[in-house]
mmCIF file of all heavy atoms, coordinates in Angstrom:
data_MODEL
# 
_entry.id   MODEL 
# 
loop_
_atom_site.group_PDB 
_atom_site.id 
_atom_site.type_symbol 
_atom_site.label_atom_id 
_atom_site.label_alt_id 
_atom_site.label_comp_id 
_atom_site.label_asym_id 
_atom_site.label_entity_id 
_atom_site.label_seq_id 
_atom_site.pdbx_PDB_ins_code 
_atom_site.Cartn_x 
_atom_site.Cartn_y 
_atom_site.Cartn_z 
_atom_site.occupancy 
_atom_site.B_iso_or_equiv 
_atom_site.pdbx_formal_charge 
_atom_site.auth_seq_id 
_atom_site.auth_comp_id 
_atom_site.auth_asym_id 
_atom_site.auth_atom_id 
_atom_site.pdbx_PDB_model_num 
ATOM 1   N N   . TYR A 1 1  ? 0.837   -1.202 0.000  1.00 0.00 ? 1  TYR A N   1 
ATOM 2   C CA  . TYR A 1 1  ? 0.000   0.000  0.000  1.00 0.00 ? 1  TYR A CA  1 
ATOM 3   C C   . TYR A 1 1  ? 0.873   1.254  0.000  1.00 0.00 ? 1  TYR A C   1 
ATOM 4   O O   . TYR A 1 1  ? 1.694   1.456  0.891  1.00 0.00 ? 1  TYR A O   1 
ATOM 5   C CB  . TYR A 1 1  ? -0.912  0.032  1.230  1.00 0.00 ? 1  TYR A CB  1 
ATOM 6   C CG  . TYR A 1 1  ? -1.884  -1.110 1.320  1.00 0.00 ? 1  TYR A CG  1 
ATOM 7   C CD1 . TYR A 1 1  ? -1.825  -2.023 2.361  1.00 0.00 ? 1  TYR A CD1 1 
ATOM 8   C CD2 . TYR A 1 1  ? -2.875  -1.262 0.359  1.00 0.00 ? 1  TYR A CD2 1 
ATOM 9   C CE1 . TYR A 1 1  ? -2.719  -3.062 2.451  1.00 0.00 ? 1  TYR A CE1 1 
ATOM 10  C CE2 . TYR A 1 1  ? -3.779  -2.308 0.435  1.00 0.00 ? 1  TYR A CE2 1 
ATOM 11  C CZ  . TYR A 1 1  ? -3.699  -3.209 1.485  1.00 0.00 ? 1  TYR A CZ  1 
ATOM 12  O OH  . TYR A 1 1  ? -4.589  -4.236 1.562  1.00 0.00 ? 1  TYR A OH  1 
ATOM 13  N N   . LYS A 1 2  ? 0.682   2.106  -0.982 1.00 0.00 ? 2  LYS A N   1 
ATOM 14  C CA  . LYS A 1 2  ? 1.362   3.396  -1.062 1.00 0.00 ? 2  LYS A CA  1 
ATOM 15  C C   . LYS A 1 2  ? 0.280   4.473  -0.947 1.00 0.00 ? 2  LYS A C   1 
ATOM 16  O O   . LYS A 1 2  ? -0.343  4.856  -1.928 1.00 0.00 ? 2  LYS A O   1 
ATOM 17  C CB  . LYS A 1 2  ? 2.118   3.515  -2.389 1.00 0.00 ? 2  LYS A CB  1 
ATOM 18  C CG  . LYS A 1 2  ? 2.884   4.817  -2.552 1.00 0.00 ? 2  LYS A CG  1 
ATOM 19  C CD  . LYS A 1 2  ? 3.533   4.874  -3.927 1.00 0.00 ? 2  LYS A CD  1 
ATOM 20  C CE  . LYS A 1 2  ? 4.219   6.216  -4.133 1.00 0.00 ? 2  LYS A CE  1 
ATOM 21  N NZ  . LYS A 1 2  ? 4.773   6.323  -5.515 1.00 0.00 ? 2  LYS A NZ  1 
ATOM 22  N N   . ILE A 1 3  ? 0.043   4.941  0.270  1.00 0.00 ? 3  ILE A N   1 
ATOM 23  C CA  . ILE A 1 3  ? -1.066  5.848  0.548  1.00 0.00 ? 3  ILE A CA  1 
ATOM 24  C C   . ILE A 1 3  ? -0.822  7.206  -0.100 1.00 0.00 ? 3  ILE A C   1 
ATOM 25  O O   . ILE A 1 3  ? 0.143   7.906  0.221  1.00 0.00 ? 3  ILE A O   1 
ATOM 26  C CB  . ILE A 1 3  ? -1.288  6.022  2.067  1.00 0.00 ? 3  ILE A CB  1 
ATOM 27  C CG1 . ILE A 1 3  ? -1.365  4.661  2.775  1.00 0.00 ? 3  ILE A CG1 1 
ATOM 28  C CG2 . ILE A 1 3  ? -2.538  6.849  2.320  1.00 0.00 ? 3  ILE A CG2 1 
ATOM 29  C CD1 . ILE A 1 3  ? -2.528  3.821  2.362  1.00 0.00 ? 3  ILE A CD1 1 
ATOM 30  N N   . GLU A 1 4  ? -1.703  7.584  -1.033 1.00 0.00 ? 4  GLU A N   1 
ATOM 31  C CA  . GLU A 1 4  ? -1.584  8.870  -1.720 1.00 0.00 ? 4  GLU A CA  1 
ATOM 32  C C   . GLU A 1 4  ? -2.343  9.977  -1.002 1.00 0.00 ? 4  GLU A C   1 
ATOM 33  O O   . GLU A 1 4  ? -2.062  11.159 -1.190 1.00 0.00 ? 4  GLU A O   1 
ATOM 34  C CB  . GLU A 1 4  ? -2.119  8.742  -3.152 1.00 0.00 ? 4  GLU A CB  1 
ATOM 35  C CG  . GLU A 1 4  ? -1.345  7.772  -4.025 1.00 0.00 ? 4  GLU A CG  1 
ATOM 36  C CD  . GLU A 1 4  ? 0.036   8.290  -4.403 1.00 0.00 ? 4  GLU A CD  1 
ATOM 37  O OE1 . GLU A 1 4  ? 0.256   9.518  -4.307 1.00 0.00 ? 4  GLU A OE1 1 
ATOM 38  O OE2 . GLU A 1 4  ? 0.887   7.477  -4.777 1.00 0.00 ? 4  GLU A OE2 1 
ATOM 39  N N   . GLY A 1 5  ? -3.320  9.606  -0.187 1.00 0.00 ? 5  GLY A N   1 
ATOM 40  C CA  . GLY A 1 5  ? -4.127  10.595 0.516  1.00 0.00 ? 5  GLY A CA  1 
ATOM 41  C C   . GLY A 1 5  ? -5.466  9.994  0.893  1.00 0.00 ? 5  GLY A C   1 
ATOM 42  O O   . GLY A 1 5  ? -5.684  8.787  0.769  1.00 0.00 ? 5  GLY A O   1 
ATOM 43  N N   . PHE A 1 6  ? -6.363  10.845 1.374  1.00 0.00 ? 6  PHE A N   1 
ATOM 44  C CA  . PHE A 1 6  ? -7.691  10.365 1.736  1.00 0.00 ? 6  PHE A CA  1 
ATOM 45  C C   . PHE A 1 6  ? -8.737  11.387 1.302  1.00 0.00 ? 6  PHE A C   1 
ATOM 46  O O   . PHE A 1 6  ? -8.444  12.564 1.081  1.00 0.00 ? 6  PHE A O   1 
ATOM 47  C CB  . PHE A 1 6  ? -7.786  10.107 3.243  1.00 0.00 ? 6  PHE A CB  1 
ATOM 48  C CG  . PHE A 1 6  ? -7.882  11.355 4.082  1.00 0.00 ? 6  PHE A CG  1 
ATOM 49  C CD1 . PHE A 1 6  ? -9.101  11.842 4.509  1.00 0.00 ? 6  PHE A CD1 1 
ATOM 50  C CD2 . PHE A 1 6  ? -6.733  12.042 4.463  1.00 0.00 ? 6  PHE A CD2 1 
ATOM 51  C CE1 . PHE A 1 6  ? -9.200  12.987 5.287  1.00 0.00 ? 6  PHE A CE1 1 
ATOM 52  C CE2 . PHE A 1 6  ? -6.807  13.191 5.253  1.00 0.00 ? 6  PHE A CE2 1 
ATOM 53  C CZ  . PHE A 1 6  ? -8.043  13.670 5.661  1.00 0.00 ? 6  PHE A CZ  1 
ATOM 54  N N   . ILE A 1 7  ? -9.960  10.886 1.148  1.00 0.00 ? 7  ILE A N   1 
ATOM 55  C CA  . ILE A 1 7  ? -11.090 11.771 0.882  1.00 0.00 ? 7  ILE A CA  1 
ATOM 56  C C   . ILE A 1 7  ? -12.173 11.460 1.903  1.00 0.00 ? 7  ILE A C   1 
ATOM 57  O O   . ILE A 1 7  ? -12.242 10.340 2.427  1.00 0.00 ? 7  ILE A O   1 
ATOM 58  C CB  . ILE A 1 7  ? -11.638 11.621 -0.556 1.00 0.00 ? 7  ILE A CB  1 
ATOM 59  C CG1 . ILE A 1 7  ? -12.163 10.214 -0.814 1.00 0.00 ? 7  ILE A CG1 1 
ATOM 60  C CG2 . ILE A 1 7  ? -10.581 11.984 -1.580 1.00 0.00 ? 7  ILE A CG2 1 
ATOM 61  C CD1 . ILE A 1 7  ? -12.798 10.059 -2.172 1.00 0.00 ? 7  ILE A CD1 1 
ATOM 62  N N   . THR A 1 8  ? -12.998 12.437 2.173  1.00 0.00 ? 8  THR A N   1 
ATOM 63  C CA  . THR A 1 8  ? -14.022 12.281 3.198  1.00 0.00 ? 8  THR A CA  1 
ATOM 64  C C   . THR A 1 8  ? -15.385 12.017 2.573  1.00 0.00 ? 8  THR A C   1 
ATOM 65  O O   . THR A 1 8  ? -15.660 12.449 1.454  1.00 0.00 ? 8  THR A O   1 
ATOM 66  C CB  . THR A 1 8  ? -14.110 13.535 4.082  1.00 0.00 ? 8  THR A CB  1 
ATOM 67  O OG1 . THR A 1 8  ? -14.480 14.656 3.264  1.00 0.00 ? 8  THR A OG1 1 
ATOM 68  C CG2 . THR A 1 8  ? -12.773 13.812 4.742  1.00 0.00 ? 8  THR A CG2 1 
ATOM 69  N N   . VAL A 1 9  ? -16.222 11.323 3.320  1.00 0.00 ? 9  VAL A N   1 
ATOM 70  C CA  . VAL A 1 9  ? -17.578 11.016 2.862  1.00 0.00 ? 9  VAL A CA  1 
ATOM 71  C C   . VAL A 1 9  ? -18.534 12.150 3.209  1.00 0.00 ? 9  VAL A C   1 
ATOM 72  O O   . VAL A 1 9  ? -19.380 12.540 2.405  1.00 0.00 ? 9  VAL A O   1 
ATOM 73  C CB  . VAL A 1 9  ? -18.074 9.694  3.491  1.00 0.00 ? 9  VAL A CB  1 
ATOM 74  C CG1 . VAL A 1 9  ? -19.550 9.480  3.196  1.00 0.00 ? 9  VAL A CG1 1 
ATOM 75  C CG2 . VAL A 1 9  ? -17.253 8.531  2.953  1.00 0.00 ? 9  VAL A CG2 1 
ATOM 76  N N   . ASN A 1 10 ? -18.382 12.704 4.404  1.00 0.00 ? 10 ASN A N   1 
ATOM 77  C CA  . ASN A 1 10 ? -19.316 13.727 4.872  1.00 0.00 ? 10 ASN A CA  1 
ATOM 78  C C   . ASN A 1 10 ? -18.849 15.153 4.593  1.00 0.00 ? 10 ASN A C   1 
ATOM 79  O O   . ASN A 1 10 ? -19.512 16.115 4.955  1.00 0.00 ? 10 ASN A O   1 
ATOM 80  C CB  . ASN A 1 10 ? -19.586 13.559 6.372  1.00 0.00 ? 10 ASN A CB  1 
ATOM 81  C CG  . ASN A 1 10 ? -18.288 13.413 7.166  1.00 0.00 ? 10 ASN A CG  1 
ATOM 82  O OD1 . ASN A 1 10 ? -17.236 13.889 6.738  1.00 0.00 ? 10 ASN A OD1 1 
ATOM 83  N ND2 . ASN A 1 10 ? -18.377 12.741 8.299  1.00 0.00 ? 10 ASN A ND2 1 
ATOM 84  N N   . GLY A 1 11 ? -17.686 15.301 3.971  1.00 0.00 ? 11 GLY A N   1 
ATOM 85  C CA  . GLY A 1 11 ? -17.212 16.628 3.615  1.00 0.00 ? 11 GLY A CA  1 
ATOM 86  C C   . GLY A 1 11 ? -16.424 17.331 4.696  1.00 0.00 ? 11 GLY A C   1 
ATOM 87  O O   . GLY A 1 11 ? -15.824 18.381 4.458  1.00 0.00 ? 11 GLY A O   1 
ATOM 88  N N   . ASP A 1 12 ? -16.401 16.790 5.911  1.00 0.00 ? 12 ASP A N   1 
ATOM 89  C CA  . ASP A 1 12 ? -15.659 17.412 7.007  1.00 0.00 ? 12 ASP A CA  1 
ATOM 90  C C   . ASP A 1 12 ? -14.181 17.039 6.928  1.00 0.00 ? 12 ASP A C   1 
ATOM 91  O O   . ASP A 1 12 ? -13.819 15.920 6.582  1.00 0.00 ? 12 ASP A O   1 
ATOM 92  C CB  . ASP A 1 12 ? -16.217 16.943 8.360  1.00 0.00 ? 12 ASP A CB  1 
ATOM 93  C CG  . ASP A 1 12 ? -17.664 17.363 8.535  1.00 0.00 ? 12 ASP A CG  1 
ATOM 94  O OD1 . ASP A 1 12 ? -18.039 18.399 7.949  1.00 0.00 ? 12 ASP A OD1 1 
ATOM 95  O OD2 . ASP A 1 12 ? -18.400 16.654 9.254  1.00 0.00 ? 12 ASP A OD2 1 
ATOM 96  N N   . LYS A 1 13 ? -13.328 17.977 7.258  1.00 0.00 ? 13 LYS A N   1 
ATOM 97  C CA  . LYS A 1 13 ? -11.900 17.690 7.313  1.00 0.00 ? 13 LYS A CA  1 
ATOM 98  C C   . LYS A 1 13 ? -11.589 16.880 8.564  1.00 0.00 ? 13 LYS A C   1 
ATOM 99  O O   . LYS A 1 13 ? -12.166 17.107 9.617  1.00 0.00 ? 13 LYS A O   1 
ATOM 100 C CB  . LYS A 1 13 ? -11.093 18.982 7.318  1.00 0.00 ? 13 LYS A CB  1 
ATOM 101 C CG  . LYS A 1 13 ? -11.123 19.726 5.992  1.00 0.00 ? 13 LYS A CG  1 
ATOM 102 C CD  . LYS A 1 13 ? -10.165 20.899 6.011  1.00 0.00 ? 13 LYS A CD  1 
ATOM 103 C CE  . LYS A 1 13 ? -10.125 21.579 4.641  1.00 0.00 ? 13 LYS A CE  1 
ATOM 104 N NZ  . LYS A 1 13 ? -9.187  22.727 4.633  1.00 0.00 ? 13 LYS A NZ  1 
ATOM 105 N N   . GLN A 1 14 ? -10.673 15.941 8.428  1.00 0.00 ? 14 GLN A N   1 
ATOM 106 C CA  . GLN A 1 14 ? -10.301 15.100 9.552  1.00 0.00 ? 14 GLN A CA  1 
ATOM 107 C C   . GLN A 1 14 ? -8.870  15.468 9.948  1.00 0.00 ? 14 GLN A C   1 
ATOM 108 O O   . GLN A 1 14 ? -7.905  14.974 9.373  1.00 0.00 ? 14 GLN A O   1 
ATOM 109 C CB  . GLN A 1 14 ? -10.435 13.636 9.190  1.00 0.00 ? 14 GLN A CB  1 
ATOM 110 C CG  . GLN A 1 14 ? -11.856 13.298 8.704  1.00 0.00 ? 14 GLN A CG  1 
ATOM 111 C CD  . GLN A 1 14 ? -12.042 11.832 8.404  1.00 0.00 ? 14 GLN A CD  1 
ATOM 112 O OE1 . GLN A 1 14 ? -11.450 10.996 9.067  1.00 0.00 ? 14 GLN A OE1 1 
ATOM 113 N NE2 . GLN A 1 14 ? -12.875 11.534 7.424  1.00 0.00 ? 14 GLN A NE2 1 
ATOM 114 N N   . ASN A 1 15 ? -8.758  16.376 10.906 1.00 0.00 ? 15 ASN A N   1 
ATOM 115 C CA  . ASN A 1 15 ? -7.470  16.971 11.247 1.00 0.00 ? 15 ASN A CA  1 
ATOM 116 C C   . ASN A 1 15 ? -6.439  15.944 11.674 1.00 0.00 ? 15 ASN A C   1 
ATOM 117 O O   . ASN A 1 15 ? -5.259  16.074 11.357 1.00 0.00 ? 15 ASN A O   1 
ATOM 118 C CB  . ASN A 1 15 ? -7.655  18.013 12.353 1.00 0.00 ? 15 ASN A CB  1 
ATOM 119 C CG  . ASN A 1 15 ? -8.513  19.189 11.884 1.00 0.00 ? 15 ASN A CG  1 
ATOM 120 O OD1 . ASN A 1 15 ? -8.455  19.557 10.722 1.00 0.00 ? 15 ASN A OD1 1 
ATOM 121 N ND2 . ASN A 1 15 ? -9.308  19.747 12.779 1.00 0.00 ? 15 ASN A ND2 1 
ATOM 122 N N   . GLU A 1 16 ? -6.869  14.936 12.412 1.00 0.00 ? 16 GLU A N   1 
ATOM 123 C CA  . GLU A 1 16 ? -5.921  13.946 12.910 1.00 0.00 ? 16 GLU A CA  1 
ATOM 124 C C   . GLU A 1 16 ? -5.270  13.168 11.768 1.00 0.00 ? 16 GLU A C   1 
ATOM 125 O O   . GLU A 1 16 ? -4.066  12.944 11.761 1.00 0.00 ? 16 GLU A O   1 
ATOM 126 C CB  . GLU A 1 16 ? -6.642  12.985 13.865 1.00 0.00 ? 16 GLU A CB  1 
ATOM 127 C CG  . GLU A 1 16 ? -5.729  12.034 14.620 1.00 0.00 ? 16 GLU A CG  1 
ATOM 128 C CD  . GLU A 1 16 ? -4.781  12.757 15.565 1.00 0.00 ? 16 GLU A CD  1 
ATOM 129 O OE1 . GLU A 1 16 ? -5.152  13.833 16.083 1.00 0.00 ? 16 GLU A OE1 1 
ATOM 130 O OE2 . GLU A 1 16 ? -3.665  12.229 15.767 1.00 0.00 ? 16 GLU A OE2 1 
ATOM 131 N N   . LEU A 1 17 ? -6.076  12.745 10.796 1.00 0.00 ? 17 LEU A N   1 
ATOM 132 C CA  . LEU A 1 17 ? -5.546  11.999 9.664  1.00 0.00 ? 17 LEU A CA  1 
ATOM 133 C C   . LEU A 1 17 ? -4.711  12.896 8.758  1.00 0.00 ? 17 LEU A C   1 
ATOM 134 O O   . LEU A 1 17 ? -3.755  12.451 8.120  1.00 0.00 ? 17 LEU A O   1 
ATOM 135 C CB  . LEU A 1 17 ? -6.688  11.351 8.872  1.00 0.00 ? 17 LEU A CB  1 
ATOM 136 C CG  . LEU A 1 17 ? -6.311  10.321 7.804  1.00 0.00 ? 17 LEU A CG  1 
ATOM 137 C CD1 . LEU A 1 17 ? -5.474  9.195  8.404  1.00 0.00 ? 17 LEU A CD1 1 
ATOM 138 C CD2 . LEU A 1 17 ? -7.556  9.753  7.146  1.00 0.00 ? 17 LEU A CD2 1 
ATOM 139 N N   . GLU A 1 18 ? -5.057  14.191 8.708  1.00 0.00 ? 18 GLU A N   1 
ATOM 140 C CA  . GLU A 1 18 ? -4.308  15.137 7.872  1.00 0.00 ? 18 GLU A CA  1 
ATOM 141 C C   . GLU A 1 18 ? -2.883  15.342 8.364  1.00 0.00 ? 18 GLU A C   1 
ATOM 142 O O   . GLU A 1 18 ? -2.030  15.838 7.626  1.00 0.00 ? 18 GLU A O   1 
ATOM 143 C CB  . GLU A 1 18 ? -5.029  16.487 7.818  1.00 0.00 ? 18 GLU A CB  1 
ATOM 144 C CG  . GLU A 1 18 ? -6.138  16.528 6.786  1.00 0.00 ? 18 GLU A CG  1 
ATOM 145 C CD  . GLU A 1 18 ? -6.653  17.939 6.568  1.00 0.00 ? 18 GLU A CD  1 
ATOM 146 O OE1 . GLU A 1 18 ? -7.226  18.505 7.511  1.00 0.00 ? 18 GLU A OE1 1 
ATOM 147 O OE2 . GLU A 1 18 ? -6.469  18.458 5.449  1.00 0.00 ? 18 GLU A OE2 1 
ATOM 148 N N   . LYS A 1 19 ? -2.614  14.967 9.584  1.00 0.00 ? 19 LYS A N   1 
ATOM 149 C CA  . LYS A 1 19 ? -1.249  15.071 10.093 1.00 0.00 ? 19 LYS A CA  1 
ATOM 150 C C   . LYS A 1 19 ? -0.326  14.074 9.409  1.00 0.00 ? 19 LYS A C   1 
ATOM 151 O O   . LYS A 1 19 ? 0.894   14.238 9.404  1.00 0.00 ? 19 LYS A O   1 
ATOM 152 C CB  . LYS A 1 19 ? -1.236  14.826 11.607 1.00 0.00 ? 19 LYS A CB  1 
ATOM 153 C CG  . LYS A 1 19 ? -1.964  15.891 12.421 1.00 0.00 ? 19 LYS A CG  1 
ATOM 154 C CD  . LYS A 1 19 ? -1.944  15.536 13.887 1.00 0.00 ? 19 LYS A CD  1 
ATOM 155 C CE  . LYS A 1 19 ? -2.704  16.576 14.724 1.00 0.00 ? 19 LYS A CE  1 
ATOM 156 N NZ  . LYS A 1 19 ? -2.720  16.216 16.171 1.00 0.00 ? 19 LYS A NZ  1 
ATOM 157 N N   . HIS A 1 20 ? -0.930  13.031 8.832  1.00 0.00 ? 20 HIS A N   1 
ATOM 158 C CA  . HIS A 1 20 ? -0.141  11.953 8.228  1.00 0.00 ? 20 HIS A CA  1 
ATOM 159 C C   . HIS A 1 20 ? -0.187  11.980 6.699  1.00 0.00 ? 20 HIS A C   1 
ATOM 160 O O   . HIS A 1 20 ? 0.839   11.771 6.039  1.00 0.00 ? 20 HIS A O   1 
ATOM 161 C CB  . HIS A 1 20 ? -0.644  10.595 8.723  1.00 0.00 ? 20 HIS A CB  1 
ATOM 162 C CG  . HIS A 1 20 ? -0.694  10.463 10.211 1.00 0.00 ? 20 HIS A CG  1 
ATOM 163 N ND1 . HIS A 1 20 ? 0.442   10.284 10.977 1.00 0.00 ? 20 HIS A ND1 1 
ATOM 164 C CD2 . HIS A 1 20 ? -1.738  10.504 11.079 1.00 0.00 ? 20 HIS A CD2 1 
ATOM 165 C CE1 . HIS A 1 20 ? 0.104   10.192 12.250 1.00 0.00 ? 20 HIS A CE1 1 
ATOM 166 N NE2 . HIS A 1 20 ? -1.229  10.327 12.342 1.00 0.00 ? 20 HIS A NE2 1 
ATOM 167 N N   . ILE A 1 21 ? -1.374  12.183 6.145  1.00 0.00 ? 21 ILE A N   1 
ATOM 168 C CA  . ILE A 1 21 ? -1.546  12.154 4.682  1.00 0.00 ? 21 ILE A CA  1 
ATOM 169 C C   . ILE A 1 21 ? -2.458  13.298 4.266  1.00 0.00 ? 21 ILE A C   1 
ATOM 170 O O   . ILE A 1 21 ? -3.285  13.758 5.059  1.00 0.00 ? 21 ILE A O   1 
ATOM 171 C CB  . ILE A 1 21 ? -2.137  10.800 4.213  1.00 0.00 ? 21 ILE A CB  1 
ATOM 172 C CG1 . ILE A 1 21 ? -3.411  10.461 4.993  1.00 0.00 ? 21 ILE A CG1 1 
ATOM 173 C CG2 . ILE A 1 21 ? -1.115  9.688  4.311  1.00 0.00 ? 21 ILE A CG2 1 
ATOM 174 C CD1 . ILE A 1 21 ? -4.089  9.190  4.542  1.00 0.00 ? 21 ILE A CD1 1 
ATOM 175 N N   . PRO A 1 22 ? -2.332  13.770 3.030  1.00 0.00 ? 22 PRO A N   1 
ATOM 176 C CA  . PRO A 1 22 ? -3.144  14.919 2.602  1.00 0.00 ? 22 PRO A CA  1 
ATOM 177 C C   . PRO A 1 22 ? -4.608  14.556 2.372  1.00 0.00 ? 22 PRO A C   1 
ATOM 178 O O   . PRO A 1 22 ? -4.931  13.445 1.961  1.00 0.00 ? 22 PRO A O   1 
ATOM 179 C CB  . PRO A 1 22 ? -2.482  15.334 1.286  1.00 0.00 ? 22 PRO A CB  1 
ATOM 180 C CG  . PRO A 1 22 ? -1.827  14.090 0.775  1.00 0.00 ? 22 PRO A CG  1 
ATOM 181 C CD  . PRO A 1 22 ? -1.371  13.350 2.004  1.00 0.00 ? 22 PRO A CD  1 
ATOM 182 N N   . CYS A 1 23 ? -5.485  15.513 2.647  1.00 0.00 ? 23 CYS A N   1 
ATOM 183 C CA  . CYS A 1 23 ? -6.899  15.371 2.333  1.00 0.00 ? 23 CYS A CA  1 
ATOM 184 C C   . CYS A 1 23 ? -7.111  15.875 0.907  1.00 0.00 ? 23 CYS A C   1 
ATOM 185 O O   . CYS A 1 23 ? -6.813  17.024 0.582  1.00 0.00 ? 23 CYS A O   1 
ATOM 186 C CB  . CYS A 1 23 ? -7.748  16.171 3.321  1.00 0.00 ? 23 CYS A CB  1 
ATOM 187 S SG  . CYS A 1 23 ? -9.520  16.080 2.968  1.00 0.00 ? 23 CYS A SG  1 
ATOM 188 N N   . LEU A 1 24 ? -7.615  15.005 0.042  1.00 0.00 ? 24 LEU A N   1 
ATOM 189 C CA  . LEU A 1 24 ? -7.764  15.340 -1.381 1.00 0.00 ? 24 LEU A CA  1 
ATOM 190 C C   . LEU A 1 24 ? -9.119  15.946 -1.707 1.00 0.00 ? 24 LEU A C   1 
ATOM 191 O O   . LEU A 1 24 ? -9.316  16.452 -2.817 1.00 0.00 ? 24 LEU A O   1 
ATOM 192 C CB  . LEU A 1 24 ? -7.532  14.092 -2.230 1.00 0.00 ? 24 LEU A CB  1 
ATOM 193 C CG  . LEU A 1 24 ? -6.176  13.392 -2.042 1.00 0.00 ? 24 LEU A CG  1 
ATOM 194 C CD1 . LEU A 1 24 ? -6.115  12.125 -2.869 1.00 0.00 ? 24 LEU A CD1 1 
ATOM 195 C CD2 . LEU A 1 24 ? -5.026  14.333 -2.413 1.00 0.00 ? 24 LEU A CD2 1 
ATOM 196 N N   . GLY A 1 25 ? -10.065 15.871 -0.785 1.00 0.00 ? 25 GLY A N   1 
ATOM 197 C CA  . GLY A 1 25 ? -11.387 16.428 -1.063 1.00 0.00 ? 25 GLY A CA  1 
ATOM 198 C C   . GLY A 1 25 ? -12.481 15.528 -0.531 1.00 0.00 ? 25 GLY A C   1 
ATOM 199 O O   . GLY A 1 25 ? -12.298 14.837 0.475  1.00 0.00 ? 25 GLY A O   1 
ATOM 200 N N   . ASN A 1 26 ? -13.623 15.516 -1.233 1.00 0.00 ? 26 ASN A N   1 
ATOM 201 C CA  . ASN A 1 26 ? -14.750 14.705 -0.775 1.00 0.00 ? 26 ASN A CA  1 
ATOM 202 C C   . ASN A 1 26 ? -15.162 13.693 -1.835 1.00 0.00 ? 26 ASN A C   1 
ATOM 203 O O   . ASN A 1 26 ? -14.621 13.657 -2.940 1.00 0.00 ? 26 ASN A O   1 
ATOM 204 C CB  . ASN A 1 26 ? -15.936 15.591 -0.378 1.00 0.00 ? 26 ASN A CB  1 
ATOM 205 C CG  . ASN A 1 26 ? -16.357 16.518 -1.508 1.00 0.00 ? 26 ASN A CG  1 
ATOM 206 O OD1 . ASN A 1 26 ? -16.592 16.081 -2.630 1.00 0.00 ? 26 ASN A OD1 1 
ATOM 207 N ND2 . ASN A 1 26 ? -16.432 17.811 -1.222 1.00 0.00 ? 26 ASN A ND2 1 
ATOM 208 N N   . ILE A 1 27 ? -16.162 12.908 -1.470 1.00 0.00 ? 27 ILE A N   1 
ATOM 209 C CA  . ILE A 1 27 ? -16.562 11.746 -2.266 1.00 0.00 ? 27 ILE A CA  1 
ATOM 210 C C   . ILE A 1 27 ? -17.106 12.115 -3.639 1.00 0.00 ? 27 ILE A C   1 
ATOM 211 O O   . ILE A 1 27 ? -17.085 11.293 -4.563 1.00 0.00 ? 27 ILE A O   1 
ATOM 212 C CB  . ILE A 1 27 ? -17.613 10.924 -1.483 1.00 0.00 ? 27 ILE A CB  1 
ATOM 213 C CG1 . ILE A 1 27 ? -17.770 9.516  -2.083 1.00 0.00 ? 27 ILE A CG1 1 
ATOM 214 C CG2 . ILE A 1 27 ? -18.946 11.643 -1.431 1.00 0.00 ? 27 ILE A CG2 1 
ATOM 215 C CD1 . ILE A 1 27 ? -16.581 8.659  -1.888 1.00 0.00 ? 27 ILE A CD1 1 
ATOM 216 N N   . GLU A 1 28 ? -17.575 13.334 -3.816 1.00 0.00 ? 28 GLU A N   1 
ATOM 217 C CA  . GLU A 1 28 ? -18.195 13.742 -5.078 1.00 0.00 ? 28 GLU A CA  1 
ATOM 218 C C   . GLU A 1 28 ? -17.211 13.684 -6.248 1.00 0.00 ? 28 GLU A C   1 
ATOM 219 O O   . GLU A 1 28 ? -17.613 13.516 -7.390 1.00 0.00 ? 28 GLU A O   1 
ATOM 220 C CB  . GLU A 1 28 ? -18.772 15.149 -4.950 1.00 0.00 ? 28 GLU A CB  1 
ATOM 221 C CG  . GLU A 1 28 ? -19.953 15.235 -3.980 1.00 0.00 ? 28 GLU A CG  1 
ATOM 222 C CD  . GLU A 1 28 ? -20.455 16.651 -3.830 1.00 0.00 ? 28 GLU A CD  1 
ATOM 223 O OE1 . GLU A 1 28 ? -19.863 17.555 -4.474 1.00 0.00 ? 28 GLU A OE1 1 
ATOM 224 O OE2 . GLU A 1 28 ? -21.430 16.860 -3.079 1.00 0.00 ? 28 GLU A OE2 1 
# 
């Protein structure tokens, strides 16, 4: 697994996870 980032389902930013990998946006 080479984690490129994460996206959220509910649109809210997840600050804790953002400390490790970038937030790319939302599910849309």
